[in-house]
Protein backbone atom coordinates (compact mmCIF):
# COMPACT_ATOMS: atom_id res chain seq x y z
CA MET A 1 -0.01 0.01 0.02
CA PRO A 2 2.74 2.57 0.65
CA THR A 3 3.98 2.06 -2.86
CA GLU A 4 0.56 2.72 -4.30
CA ARG A 5 0.32 5.86 -2.34
CA ARG A 6 3.57 7.08 -3.46
CA LEU A 7 2.69 6.46 -7.07
CA ASN A 8 -0.55 8.26 -6.71
CA MET A 9 1.04 11.33 -5.16
CA SER A 10 3.80 11.50 -7.84
CA THR A 11 1.28 11.27 -10.75
CA GLN A 12 -1.00 14.07 -9.38
CA SER A 13 -0.37 17.25 -11.30
CA GLN A 14 -0.15 20.31 -8.99
CA LYS A 15 -0.81 23.68 -10.33
CA VAL A 16 1.19 26.43 -8.54
CA LEU A 17 0.21 30.02 -8.70
CA LYS A 18 3.42 31.89 -9.67
CA PHE A 19 4.54 35.48 -9.68
CA GLU A 20 4.13 37.21 -13.02
CA VAL A 21 6.50 39.81 -14.51
CA GLY A 22 5.11 43.35 -14.46
CA LYS A 23 2.60 42.83 -11.68
CA VAL A 24 2.63 44.53 -8.32
CA TYR A 25 2.06 42.47 -5.04
CA TYR A 26 1.72 43.57 -1.54
CA THR A 27 1.83 42.43 2.08
CA ARG A 28 1.48 43.71 5.56
CA PHE A 29 3.54 43.44 8.61
CA ALA A 30 2.29 41.15 11.48
CA ASN A 31 3.06 43.69 14.16
CA ASN A 32 1.87 46.79 12.24
CA HIS A 33 -1.06 46.16 10.01
CA ASP A 34 -1.02 49.73 8.67
CA THR A 35 2.45 49.31 7.07
CA ILE A 36 2.14 47.93 3.49
CA ILE A 37 5.10 46.64 1.40
CA LYS A 38 4.47 46.78 -2.27
CA VAL A 39 6.87 45.07 -4.83
CA LYS A 40 6.96 44.87 -8.61
CA ILE A 41 8.33 41.85 -10.20
CA ILE A 42 10.72 42.82 -13.02
CA ALA A 43 12.20 39.52 -14.10
CA ARG A 44 11.99 35.75 -13.26
CA THR A 45 13.56 32.52 -13.98
CA GLU A 46 12.26 29.10 -12.82
CA LYS A 47 14.27 29.38 -9.46
CA THR A 48 14.68 33.13 -8.81
CA ILE A 49 12.69 36.43 -9.14
CA LYS A 50 14.01 39.88 -9.49
CA TRP A 51 11.95 42.59 -7.88
CA ILE A 52 11.95 46.25 -6.67
CA GLN A 53 10.22 47.70 -3.71
CA LEU A 54 7.74 50.47 -4.54
CA SER A 55 8.11 53.33 -1.96
CA GLN A 56 8.02 56.95 -1.84
CA TYR A 57 10.86 57.09 0.79
CA LYS A 58 13.46 54.74 -0.86
CA LYS A 59 15.24 54.73 -4.18
CA PRO A 60 14.32 51.56 -6.01
CA GLU A 61 17.07 48.89 -6.16
CA VAL A 62 16.73 45.53 -7.86
CA LYS A 63 16.75 42.56 -5.43
CA THR A 64 16.76 38.86 -6.14
CA SER A 65 14.94 36.13 -4.05
CA ARG A 66 14.25 32.53 -4.35
CA PRO A 67 10.53 31.82 -4.10
CA PHE A 68 9.18 28.88 -2.10
CA VAL A 69 5.78 27.15 -2.59
CA PHE A 70 3.31 26.92 0.19
CA GLU A 71 -0.14 25.43 -0.22
CA GLY A 72 0.17 25.81 -4.09
CA VAL A 73 1.16 29.48 -4.08
CA GLU A 74 4.62 31.04 -4.57
CA ASN A 75 5.92 33.15 -1.67
CA PHE A 76 9.17 34.98 -0.73
CA TYR A 77 10.53 37.07 2.10
CA PRO A 78 11.15 40.66 1.13
CA THR A 79 12.99 41.71 4.29
CA GLY A 80 14.73 38.46 5.12
CA ARG A 81 13.63 35.48 7.12
CA TYR A 82 12.99 35.93 10.76
CA SER A 83 10.13 35.06 13.22
CA MET A 84 7.62 37.72 12.21
CA ALA A 85 8.90 38.43 8.73
CA PRO A 86 6.40 39.63 6.16
CA VAL A 87 5.82 37.32 3.07
CA ILE A 88 4.96 38.39 -0.30
CA SER A 89 2.55 35.90 -1.84
CA ALA A 90 1.55 35.45 -5.41
CA ASP A 91 -2.14 35.59 -4.67
CA TRP A 92 -2.01 39.08 -3.15
CA ILE A 93 -2.01 41.28 -6.20
CA TYR A 94 -1.99 44.98 -5.37
CA GLY A 95 -5.33 46.71 -6.57
CA LYS A 96 -7.34 43.41 -6.23
CA SER A 97 -9.22 42.99 -2.98
CA LYS A 98 -8.49 39.77 -1.13
CA TRP A 99 -11.92 39.90 0.67
């Protein structure tokens, strides 16, 4: 039975929602819900994405991140990985309400 289960899992095709070049995504900080981070995806390969943070206070600079998949959606950490780090998710497109 474990062999059958493994075969079934490997043959299932999973659709992953990926970041698209040119779109703007956003997230909020866990400890300050009023603070929003907006990023624009400017280029991508299969394993990396290049993005800039859209801010009126900072000069834009190109950054590179490796996305990870969680529950069928690509995500990445824009400020580094720590306990309460914000996560940019491919299903949070700026301008489209989540609710």
